[in-house]
Amino acid sequence: MAQQTLTLGHSPDPDDAFMFYGLAKERIPTHGFRFEHILQDIQTLNERATRGELDISAISIHAYAYVSDQYALLPSGASMGDGYGPMLVAKQKFSREEIAGKTIAVPGTMTSAFLALQLWLGKPAKEFNYVVVPFDQIFKAVREGVADVGLIIHEGQLTFQNEQLVCSADLGVWWGQENDGLPLPLGGNVIHKRFEPAVRKTLSNILTASIQYSLDHRPEAVQHALQYARDMGRDLADKFVGMYVNHWTLDYGEKGRESIRRFLSQAHERGLIPHRQELEFVA
């Protein structure tokens, strides 16, 4: 019987590469499905999700507010900032009030980092200056004066000091302080609703099995992820993977679900997203 091929979008980053190691290397049963891995930056994946282009994709939780009519959240695959998260870095330390008057390089307007920035500043995007820069070019934008402050995601959170930059604020720390210690919801995996619920469940189980396989075979999975580790050796890559592939990734749990509800509810209350979200998870 011919296998059904599905498109699977994720970022070319160590944590996503680690997560999908079991699938990429065909180490787990796929029950008649095969997966075409499409590696693109998160802003591009967010934009593609608004057009319903991919069967399964990593997206920003912010972007889910714009695609919930087409996609359901999978229970596994979360990236949660548990006491850490996107950072605002610059050549010198700035206060929140100072940052509000600076030009900020951001990795995309649909990223969760950008939504968290608006919540932190207490301002919608139209009330501060920002430039959109590919996430891996933000350090360069700050160094060269294109922006005063950089909003960094991914491994930049561990390497910014190598760029002679300092952290003015960690939005994951701030979110936890303001929200009863909840993690900051950054990314998740979604599946298109064109699939019947039973198929969604089967595919959800396959993706969860891939994550579990990687956690159970950590050395080999980290080695696989190293090819996507920019400016990181094995130890730093392993640390980064541990930040974003952990118990939250296997299942959001009620605390994880509550963090998403709160994140998107606060955004709606402040007029940052168009409508209140009802979260739909694959059972």
C-alpha atoms as a PDB file:
ATOM      1  CA  MET A   1       0.000   0.000   0.000  1.00  0.00           C
ATOM      2  CA  ALA A   2       1.342   3.439  -0.941  1.00  0.00           C
ATOM      3  CA  GLN A   3       2.359   5.659   1.929  1.00  0.00           C
ATOM      4  CA  GLN A   4       0.587   8.987   2.377  1.00  0.00           C
ATOM      5  CA  THR A   5       3.088  11.831   2.371  1.00  0.00           C
ATOM      6  CA  LEU A   6       2.451  14.775   4.704  1.00  0.00           C
ATOM      7  CA  THR A   7       4.229  18.110   4.875  1.00  0.00           C
ATOM      8  CA  LEU A   8       5.849  18.823   8.245  1.00  0.00           C
ATOM      9  CA  GLY A   9       7.174  22.332   8.768  1.00  0.00           C
ATOM     10  CA  HIS A  10       9.682  23.198  11.458  1.00  0.00           C
ATOM     11  CA  SER A  11      12.560  25.570  12.095  1.00  0.00           C
ATOM     12  CA  PRO A  12      16.185  24.740  11.211  1.00  0.00           C
ATOM     13  CA  ASP A  13      17.115  24.947  14.894  1.00  0.00           C
ATOM     14  CA  PRO A  14      18.655  22.491  17.339  1.00  0.00           C
ATOM     15  CA  ASP A  15      15.499  22.058  19.412  1.00  0.00           C
ATOM     16  CA  ASP A  16      13.242  21.252  16.446  1.00  0.00           C
ATOM     17  CA  ALA A  17      15.909  19.036  14.870  1.00  0.00           C
ATOM     18  CA  PHE A  18      16.219  17.176  18.189  1.00  0.00           C
ATOM     19  CA  MET A  19      12.449  16.842  18.493  1.00  0.00           C
ATOM     20  CA  PHE A  20      12.022  15.312  15.037  1.00  0.00           C
ATOM     21  CA  TYR A  21      15.148  13.121  15.082  1.00  0.00           C
ATOM     22  CA  GLY A  22      13.136   9.928  15.443  1.00  0.00           C
ATOM     23  CA  LEU A  23      11.039  10.825  12.415  1.00  0.00           C
ATOM     24  CA  ALA A  24      13.868  12.168  10.274  1.00  0.00           C
ATOM     25  CA  LYS A  25      15.932   9.010  10.775  1.00  0.00           C
ATOM     26  CA  GLU A  26      12.910   6.677  10.558  1.00  0.00           C
ATOM     27  CA  ARG A  27      13.497   5.239  14.011  1.00  0.00           C
ATOM     28  CA  ILE A  28       9.815   5.056  14.974  1.00  0.00           C
ATOM     29  CA  PRO A  29       6.721   3.463  13.379  1.00  0.00           C
ATOM     30  CA  THR A  30       4.808   5.894  11.152  1.00  0.00           C
ATOM     31  CA  HIS A  31       1.720   3.741  10.467  1.00  0.00           C
ATOM     32  CA  GLY A  32       1.665   4.201   6.704  1.00  0.00           C
ATOM     33  CA  PHE A  33       2.553   7.881   6.711  1.00  0.00           C
ATOM     34  CA  ARG A  34       5.752   9.492   5.534  1.00  0.00           C
ATOM     35  CA  PHE A  35       6.809  13.042   6.304  1.00  0.00           C
ATOM     36  CA  GLU A  36       8.369  15.652   4.063  1.00  0.00           C
ATOM     37  CA  HIS A  37      10.387  17.867   6.419  1.00  0.00           C
ATOM     38  CA  ILE A  38      10.192  21.530   5.385  1.00  0.00           C
ATOM     39  CA  LEU A  39      12.751  23.635   7.230  1.00  0.00           C
ATOM     40  CA  GLN A  40      11.976  27.353   7.344  1.00  0.00           C
ATOM     41  CA  ASP A  41      12.256  30.153   9.895  1.00  0.00           C
ATOM     42  CA  ILE A  42       9.335  30.555  12.275  1.00  0.00           C
ATOM     43  CA  GLN A  43       8.012  33.771  10.748  1.00  0.00           C
ATOM     44  CA  THR A  44       7.772  32.050   7.337  1.00  0.00           C
ATOM     45  CA  LEU A  45       6.039  29.043   8.905  1.00  0.00           C
ATOM     46  CA  ASN A  46       3.592  31.378  10.657  1.00  0.00           C
ATOM     47  CA  GLU A  47       2.778  33.067   7.355  1.00  0.00           C
ATOM     48  CA  ARG A  48       2.345  29.738   5.573  1.00  0.00           C
ATOM     49  CA  ALA A  49      -0.025  28.593   8.316  1.00  0.00           C
ATOM     50  CA  THR A  50      -2.289  31.598   7.687  1.00  0.00           C
ATOM     51  CA  ARG A  51      -2.667  30.242   4.152  1.00  0.00           C
ATOM     52  CA  GLY A  52      -3.220  26.672   5.344  1.00  0.00           C
ATOM     53  CA  GLU A  53      -0.352  25.398   3.232  1.00  0.00           C
ATOM     54  CA  LEU A  54       1.245  22.760   5.471  1.00  0.00           C
ATOM     55  CA  ASP A  55      -0.336  19.615   6.907  1.00  0.00           C
ATOM     56  CA  ILE A  56       1.555  19.869  10.204  1.00  0.00           C
ATOM     57  CA  SER A  57       3.698  22.766  11.310  1.00  0.00           C
ATOM     58  CA  ALA A  58       5.534  24.380  14.141  1.00  0.00           C
ATOM     59  CA  ILE A  59       4.090  27.840  14.715  1.00  0.00           C
ATOM     60  CA  SER A  60       4.281  30.634  17.240  1.00  0.00           C
ATOM     61  CA  ILE A  61       1.516  30.637  19.854  1.00  0.00           C
ATOM     62  CA  HIS A  62       0.913  34.254  18.786  1.00  0.00           C
ATOM     63  CA  ALA A  63       0.262  33.018  15.238  1.00  0.00           C
ATOM     64  CA  TYR A  64      -2.267  30.453  16.498  1.00  0.00           C
ATOM     65  CA  ALA A  65      -4.650  33.378  17.081  1.00  0.00           C
ATOM     66  CA  TYR A  66      -4.747  33.841  13.305  1.00  0.00           C
ATOM     67  CA  VAL A  67      -4.958  30.195  12.223  1.00  0.00           C
ATOM     68  CA  SER A  68      -7.224  28.540  14.812  1.00  0.00           C
ATOM     69  CA  ASP A  69      -9.991  28.299  12.218  1.00  0.00           C
ATOM     70  CA  GLN A  70      -7.796  26.021  10.093  1.00  0.00           C
ATOM     71  CA  TYR A  71      -5.516  24.249  12.582  1.00  0.00           C
ATOM     72  CA  ALA A  72      -5.790  22.436  15.911  1.00  0.00           C
ATOM     73  CA  LEU A  73      -2.991  22.415  18.482  1.00  0.00           C
ATOM     74  CA  LEU A  74      -1.196  19.141  19.021  1.00  0.00           C
ATOM     75  CA  PRO A  75      -0.684  18.230  22.699  1.00  0.00           C
ATOM     76  CA  SER A  76       3.061  17.741  22.161  1.00  0.00           C
ATOM     77  CA  GLY A  77       5.751  19.885  20.574  1.00  0.00           C
ATOM     78  CA  ALA A  78       5.521  22.921  22.837  1.00  0.00           C
ATOM     79  CA  SER A  79       8.352  25.363  23.349  1.00  0.00           C
ATOM     80  CA  MET A  80       7.795  26.971  26.739  1.00  0.00           C
ATOM     81  CA  GLY A  81       9.954  29.588  28.418  1.00  0.00           C
ATOM     82  CA  ASP A  82       9.967  28.250  31.970  1.00  0.00           C
ATOM     83  CA  GLY A  83      11.706  31.085  33.817  1.00  0.00           C
ATOM     84  CA  TYR A  84      13.494  32.257  30.662  1.00  0.00           C
ATOM     85  CA  GLY A  85      12.532  33.374  27.189  1.00  0.00           C
ATOM     86  CA  PRO A  86      13.072  35.992  24.497  1.00  0.00           C
ATOM     87  CA  MET A  87      15.517  38.685  25.581  1.00  0.00           C
ATOM     88  CA  LEU A  88      16.033  42.353  24.834  1.00  0.00           C
ATOM     89  CA  VAL A  89      19.751  42.945  24.302  1.00  0.00           C
ATOM     90  CA  ALA A  90      21.781  46.024  23.440  1.00  0.00           C
ATOM     91  CA  LYS A  91      25.278  47.470  23.673  1.00  0.00           C
ATOM     92  CA  GLN A  92      24.308  48.906  27.054  1.00  0.00           C
ATOM     93  CA  LYS A  93      21.562  48.242  29.557  1.00  0.00           C
ATOM     94  CA  PHE A  94      18.322  50.167  29.051  1.00  0.00           C
ATOM     95  CA  SER A  95      15.217  50.538  31.225  1.00  0.00           C
ATOM     96  CA  ARG A  96      11.769  49.654  29.963  1.00  0.00           C
ATOM     97  CA  GLU A  97      10.990  53.341  29.481  1.00  0.00           C
ATOM     98  CA  GLU A  98      14.179  53.839  27.478  1.00  0.00           C
ATOM     99  CA  ILE A  99      13.529  50.778  25.306  1.00  0.00           C
ATOM    100  CA  ALA A 100      10.044  52.106  24.498  1.00  0.00           C
ATOM    101  CA  GLY A 101      11.760  55.038  22.762  1.00  0.00           C
ATOM    102  CA  LYS A 102      14.398  53.002  20.902  1.00  0.00           C
ATOM    103  CA  THR A 103      14.320  51.163  17.574  1.00  0.00           C
ATOM    104  CA  ILE A 104      13.941  47.446  18.268  1.00  0.00           C
ATOM    105  CA  ALA A 105      14.988  44.689  15.861  1.00  0.00           C
ATOM    106  CA  VAL A 106      12.355  41.925  16.045  1.00  0.00           C
ATOM    107  CA  PRO A 107      12.342  38.451  14.452  1.00  0.00           C
ATOM    108  CA  GLY A 108       8.835  38.734  12.972  1.00  0.00           C
ATOM    109  CA  THR A 109       5.521  40.330  13.837  1.00  0.00           C
ATOM    110  CA  MET A 110       3.735  36.992  14.305  1.00  0.00           C
ATOM    111  CA  THR A 111       6.277  35.577  16.731  1.00  0.00           C
ATOM    112  CA  SER A 112       5.303  35.068  20.362  1.00  0.00           C
ATOM    113  CA  ALA A 113       8.350  37.143  21.282  1.00  0.00           C
ATOM    114  CA  PHE A 114       6.830  40.145  19.494  1.00  0.00           C
ATOM    115  CA  LEU A 115       3.490  39.689  21.259  1.00  0.00           C
ATOM    116  CA  ALA A 116       5.273  39.348  24.621  1.00  0.00           C
ATOM    117  CA  LEU A 117       7.214  42.533  23.826  1.00  0.00           C
ATOM    118  CA  GLN A 118       3.971  44.450  23.297  1.00  0.00           C
ATOM    119  CA  LEU A 119       2.564  43.121  26.575  1.00  0.00           C
ATOM    120  CA  TRP A 120       5.796  44.019  28.391  1.00  0.00           C
ATOM    121  CA  LEU A 121       5.916  47.531  26.976  1.00  0.00           C
ATOM    122  CA  GLY A 122       2.202  48.020  27.524  1.00  0.00           C
ATOM    123  CA  LYS A 123       2.017  49.372  23.979  1.00  0.00           C
ATOM    124  CA  PRO A 124       0.686  48.055  20.666  1.00  0.00           C
ATOM    125  CA  ALA A 125       3.173  47.793  17.815  1.00  0.00           C
ATOM    126  CA  LYS A 126       1.983  51.033  16.213  1.00  0.00           C
ATOM    127  CA  GLU A 127       3.191  52.979  19.266  1.00  0.00           C
ATOM    128  CA  PHE A 128       6.891  52.047  19.156  1.00  0.00           C
ATOM    129  CA  ASN A 129       9.613  51.778  16.538  1.00  0.00           C
ATOM    130  CA  TYR A 130      10.717  48.373  15.299  1.00  0.00           C
ATOM    131  CA  VAL A 131      12.347  46.782  12.281  1.00  0.00           C
ATOM    132  CA  VAL A 132      11.778  43.180  11.211  1.00  0.00           C
ATOM    133  CA  VAL A 133      15.061  41.307  10.825  1.00  0.00           C
ATOM    134  CA  PRO A 134      15.689  37.562  10.308  1.00  0.00           C
ATOM    135  CA  PHE A 135      16.282  36.143  13.774  1.00  0.00           C
ATOM    136  CA  ASP A 136      19.863  35.144  12.977  1.00  0.00           C
ATOM    137  CA  GLN A 137      20.697  38.699  11.798  1.00  0.00           C
ATOM    138  CA  ILE A 138      19.511  40.556  14.899  1.00  0.00           C
ATOM    139  CA  PHE A 139      22.943  40.716  16.547  1.00  0.00           C
ATOM    140  CA  LYS A 140      24.339  42.215  13.356  1.00  0.00           C
ATOM    141  CA  ALA A 141      21.505  44.783  13.213  1.00  0.00           C
ATOM    142  CA  VAL A 142      22.332  45.948  16.748  1.00  0.00           C
ATOM    143  CA  ARG A 143      26.102  45.946  16.184  1.00  0.00           C
ATOM    144  CA  GLU A 144      25.771  48.006  13.008  1.00  0.00           C
ATOM    145  CA  GLY A 145      23.286  50.494  14.457  1.00  0.00           C
ATOM    146  CA  VAL A 146      20.296  49.464  12.323  1.00  0.00           C
ATOM    147  CA  ALA A 147      18.539  49.006  15.668  1.00  0.00           C
ATOM    148  CA  ASP A 148      19.313  50.085  19.225  1.00  0.00           C
ATOM    149  CA  VAL A 149      17.876  46.960  20.852  1.00  0.00           C
ATOM    150  CA  GLY A 150      17.469  43.386  19.632  1.00  0.00           C
ATOM    151  CA  LEU A 151      14.653  41.017  20.565  1.00  0.00           C
ATOM    152  CA  ILE A 152      16.425  37.670  20.445  1.00  0.00           C
ATOM    153  CA  ILE A 153      15.007  34.159  20.288  1.00  0.00           C
ATOM    154  CA  HIS A 154      16.449  30.659  19.822  1.00  0.00           C
ATOM    155  CA  GLU A 155      20.106  30.095  20.693  1.00  0.00           C
ATOM    156  CA  GLY A 156      20.844  33.822  20.784  1.00  0.00           C
ATOM    157  CA  GLN A 157      19.612  33.663  24.370  1.00  0.00           C
ATOM    158  CA  LEU A 158      22.772  31.693  25.206  1.00  0.00           C
ATOM    159  CA  THR A 159      25.264  33.440  22.917  1.00  0.00           C
ATOM    160  CA  PHE A 160      24.477  37.167  23.128  1.00  0.00           C
ATOM    161  CA  GLN A 161      27.380  37.829  25.490  1.00  0.00           C
ATOM    162  CA  ASN A 162      29.770  36.587  22.806  1.00  0.00           C
ATOM    163  CA  GLU A 163      28.561  39.584  20.766  1.00  0.00           C
ATOM    164  CA  GLN A 164      29.518  42.029  23.557  1.00  0.00           C
ATOM    165  CA  LEU A 165      25.841  42.735  24.221  1.00  0.00           C
ATOM    166  CA  VAL A 166      24.009  42.931  27.531  1.00  0.00           C
ATOM    167  CA  CYS A 167      20.509  41.813  28.475  1.00  0.00           C
ATOM    168  CA  SER A 168      18.095  44.540  29.523  1.00  0.00           C
ATOM    169  CA  ALA A 169      15.100  42.238  30.068  1.00  0.00           C
ATOM    170  CA  ASP A 170      14.195  38.559  29.848  1.00  0.00           C
ATOM    171  CA  LEU A 171      10.533  38.367  28.860  1.00  0.00           C
ATOM    172  CA  GLY A 172      10.226  34.803  30.154  1.00  0.00           C
ATOM    173  CA  VAL A 173      11.314  35.895  33.631  1.00  0.00           C
ATOM    174  CA  TRP A 174       8.929  38.864  33.506  1.00  0.00           C
ATOM    175  CA  TRP A 175       5.996  36.724  32.359  1.00  0.00           C
ATOM    176  CA  GLY A 176       6.478  34.219  35.175  1.00  0.00           C
ATOM    177  CA  GLN A 177       6.656  36.993  37.775  1.00  0.00           C
ATOM    178  CA  GLU A 178       3.419  38.502  36.483  1.00  0.00           C
ATOM    179  CA  ASN A 179       1.555  35.215  35.989  1.00  0.00           C
ATOM    180  CA  ASP A 180       1.909  32.977  39.027  1.00  0.00           C
ATOM    181  CA  GLY A 181       5.073  31.308  37.785  1.00  0.00           C
ATOM    182  CA  LEU A 182       3.516  30.045  34.554  1.00  0.00           C
ATOM    183  CA  PRO A 183       5.871  29.441  31.631  1.00  0.00           C
ATOM    184  CA  LEU A 184       5.766  31.822  28.666  1.00  0.00           C
ATOM    185  CA  PRO A 185       4.163  29.931  25.747  1.00  0.00           C
ATOM    186  CA  LEU A 186       6.323  30.462  22.696  1.00  0.00           C
ATOM    187  CA  GLY A 187       5.723  27.758  20.096  1.00  0.00           C
ATOM    188  CA  GLY A 188       3.665  24.700  19.390  1.00  0.00           C
ATOM    189  CA  ASN A 189       2.808  22.181  16.704  1.00  0.00           C
ATOM    190  CA  VAL A 190      -0.476  22.324  14.816  1.00  0.00           C
ATOM    191  CA  ILE A 191      -2.288  19.991  12.437  1.00  0.00           C
ATOM    192  CA  HIS A 192      -4.687  21.017   9.701  1.00  0.00           C
ATOM    193  CA  LYS A 193      -8.351  20.370  10.431  1.00  0.00           C
ATOM    194  CA  ARG A 194      -8.855  18.833   6.983  1.00  0.00           C
ATOM    195  CA  PHE A 195      -7.808  15.555   8.631  1.00  0.00           C
ATOM    196  CA  GLU A 196     -10.460  13.538  10.415  1.00  0.00           C
ATOM    197  CA  PRO A 197     -10.165  13.462  14.249  1.00  0.00           C
ATOM    198  CA  ALA A 198      -8.995   9.821  14.232  1.00  0.00           C
ATOM    199  CA  VAL A 199      -6.200  10.664  11.773  1.00  0.00           C
ATOM    200  CA  ARG A 200      -5.211  13.709  13.817  1.00  0.00           C
ATOM    201  CA  LYS A 201      -4.922  11.468  16.862  1.00  0.00           C
ATOM    202  CA  THR A 202      -2.734   8.940  15.009  1.00  0.00           C
ATOM    203  CA  LEU A 203      -0.441  11.688  13.712  1.00  0.00           C
ATOM    204  CA  SER A 204      -0.296  13.300  17.139  1.00  0.00           C
ATOM    205  CA  ASN A 205       0.862   9.998  18.631  1.00  0.00           C
ATOM    206  CA  ILE A 206       3.570   9.657  15.955  1.00  0.00           C
ATOM    207  CA  LEU A 207       4.979  13.123  16.710  1.00  0.00           C
ATOM    208  CA  THR A 208       4.884  12.485  20.461  1.00  0.00           C
ATOM    209  CA  ALA A 209       6.718   9.200  19.890  1.00  0.00           C
ATOM    210  CA  SER A 210       9.436  11.069  17.973  1.00  0.00           C
ATOM    211  CA  ILE A 211       9.955  13.474  20.869  1.00  0.00           C
ATOM    212  CA  GLN A 212      10.040  10.622  23.376  1.00  0.00           C
ATOM    213  CA  TYR A 213      12.516   8.702  21.206  1.00  0.00           C
ATOM    214  CA  SER A 214      14.858  11.696  21.151  1.00  0.00           C
ATOM    215  CA  LEU A 215      14.639  12.151  24.902  1.00  0.00           C
ATOM    216  CA  ASP A 216      15.349   8.428  25.352  1.00  0.00           C
ATOM    217  CA  HIS A 217      18.307   8.582  22.912  1.00  0.00           C
ATOM    218  CA  ARG A 218      19.597  11.979  23.859  1.00  0.00           C
ATOM    219  CA  PRO A 219      23.292  11.703  22.816  1.00  0.00           C
ATOM    220  CA  GLU A 220      22.442  10.589  19.282  1.00  0.00           C
ATOM    221  CA  ALA A 221      19.613  13.120  18.941  1.00  0.00           C
ATOM    222  CA  VAL A 222      21.849  15.984  20.131  1.00  0.00           C
ATOM    223  CA  GLN A 223      24.511  14.882  17.653  1.00  0.00           C
ATOM    224  CA  HIS A 224      21.891  15.096  14.893  1.00  0.00           C
ATOM    225  CA  ALA A 225      20.791  18.541  16.114  1.00  0.00           C
ATOM    226  CA  LEU A 226      24.359  19.900  16.077  1.00  0.00           C
ATOM    227  CA  GLN A 227      24.199  20.484  12.321  1.00  0.00           C
ATOM    228  CA  TYR A 228      21.710  23.283  13.054  1.00  0.00           C
ATOM    229  CA  ALA A 229      23.555  24.728  16.053  1.00  0.00           C
ATOM    230  CA  ARG A 230      24.894  28.107  14.969  1.00  0.00           C
ATOM    231  CA  ASP A 231      27.901  29.223  17.034  1.00  0.00           C
ATOM    232  CA  MET A 232      27.352  26.479  19.606  1.00  0.00           C
ATOM    233  CA  GLY A 233      29.443  23.511  20.623  1.00  0.00           C
ATOM    234  CA  ARG A 234      27.901  20.256  21.791  1.00  0.00           C
ATOM    235  CA  ASP A 235      27.541  21.258  25.460  1.00  0.00           C
ATOM    236  CA  LEU A 236      25.835  24.549  24.689  1.00  0.00           C
ATOM    237  CA  ALA A 237      23.592  22.891  22.091  1.00  0.00           C
ATOM    238  CA  ASP A 238      22.631  20.242  24.644  1.00  0.00           C
ATOM    239  CA  LYS A 239      21.788  22.984  27.161  1.00  0.00           C
ATOM    240  CA  PHE A 240      19.673  24.813  24.591  1.00  0.00           C
ATOM    241  CA  VAL A 241      17.811  21.639  23.641  1.00  0.00           C
ATOM    242  CA  GLY A 242      17.099  21.018  27.319  1.00  0.00           C
ATOM    243  CA  MET A 243      15.555  24.480  27.622  1.00  0.00           C
ATOM    244  CA  TYR A 244      12.993  23.842  24.919  1.00  0.00           C
ATOM    245  CA  VAL A 245      12.536  20.066  24.660  1.00  0.00           C
ATOM    246  CA  ASN A 246      11.431  18.741  28.041  1.00  0.00           C
ATOM    247  CA  HIS A 247       8.324  17.646  29.945  1.00  0.00           C
ATOM    248  CA  TRP A 248       6.379  20.614  28.539  1.00  0.00           C
ATOM    249  CA  THR A 249       7.171  19.344  25.041  1.00  0.00           C
ATOM    250  CA  LEU A 250       5.723  15.881  25.644  1.00  0.00           C
ATOM    251  CA  ASP A 251       2.447  17.390  26.863  1.00  0.00           C
ATOM    252  CA  TYR A 252       1.419  20.930  27.773  1.00  0.00           C
ATOM    253  CA  GLY A 253      -0.470  19.706  30.814  1.00  0.00           C
ATOM    254  CA  GLU A 254      -3.047  21.942  32.454  1.00  0.00           C
ATOM    255  CA  LYS A 255      -0.472  24.562  33.465  1.00  0.00           C
ATOM    256  CA  GLY A 256       0.783  24.795  29.909  1.00  0.00           C
ATOM    257  CA  ARG A 257      -2.740  25.116  28.551  1.00  0.00           C
ATOM    258  CA  GLU A 258      -3.524  27.796  31.123  1.00  0.00           C
ATOM    259  CA  SER A 259      -0.422  29.738  30.114  1.00  0.00           C
ATOM    260  CA  ILE A 260      -1.636  29.824  26.488  1.00  0.00           C
ATOM    261  CA  ARG A 261      -5.134  30.881  27.533  1.00  0.00           C
ATOM    262  CA  ARG A 262      -3.719  33.664  29.672  1.00  0.00           C
ATOM    263  CA  PHE A 263      -1.212  34.835  27.045  1.00  0.00           C
ATOM    264  CA  LEU A 264      -3.820  35.118  24.302  1.00  0.00           C
ATOM    265  CA  SER A 265      -6.522  36.471  26.630  1.00  0.00           C
ATOM    266  CA  GLN A 266      -4.299  39.294  27.819  1.00  0.00           C
ATOM    267  CA  ALA A 267      -3.384  40.047  24.211  1.00  0.00           C
ATOM    268  CA  HIS A 268      -7.059  40.218  23.254  1.00  0.00           C
ATOM    269  CA  GLU A 269      -7.975  42.396  26.232  1.00  0.00           C
ATOM    270  CA  ARG A 270      -5.309  44.894  25.171  1.00  0.00           C
ATOM    271  CA  GLY A 271      -6.391  44.900  21.552  1.00  0.00           C
ATOM    272  CA  LEU A 272      -3.293  43.093  20.277  1.00  0.00           C
ATOM    273  CA  ILE A 273      -5.097  40.183  18.601  1.00  0.00           C
ATOM    274  CA  PRO A 274      -8.479  40.381  16.873  1.00  0.00           C
ATOM    275  CA  HIS A 275     -10.652  37.951  18.807  1.00  0.00           C
ATOM    276  CA  ARG A 276     -10.755  35.824  21.936  1.00  0.00           C
ATOM    277  CA  GLN A 277      -9.373  32.330  21.381  1.00  0.00           C
ATOM    278  CA  GLU A 278     -10.989  29.024  22.226  1.00  0.00           C
ATOM    279  CA  LEU A 279      -8.120  26.558  22.335  1.00  0.00           C
ATOM    280  CA  GLU A 280      -8.675  23.390  20.334  1.00  0.00           C
ATOM    281  CA  PHE A 281      -6.271  20.569  21.158  1.00  0.00           C
ATOM    282  CA  VAL A 282      -6.131  17.186  19.485  1.00  0.00           C
ATOM    283  CA  ALA A 283      -7.527  14.843  22.140  1.00  0.00           C
END
